[in-house]
């Protein structure tokens, strides 16, 4: 047992989960930044991960909204770095 009561296995599992979430956030930031620059480009033009899926059509509005809401939920700071115009002002 560690000092907070976790064994090594749950800690490793927790770390893997955090790393997976960080990779997902980074991927969403990259995709959304490219999408903002080239909204009509197919995903295969700027994502090696989408190229193997034969994604030769542009993202749908539903796909973009799903990526935006996921990024907003997981990392508001990253979301506002991609969409600074949506950042709430001071209260």
Foldseek 3Di string as FASTA:
>chain_A
DDPVPDDPVVVVVVVVVVVVLVVLLVVLLQQLLVCVVPVFAFPLVRDVVCVVVVRRGGDDPVRNVVSLVVNCVSPVVSSCVSVVVPDDDDD
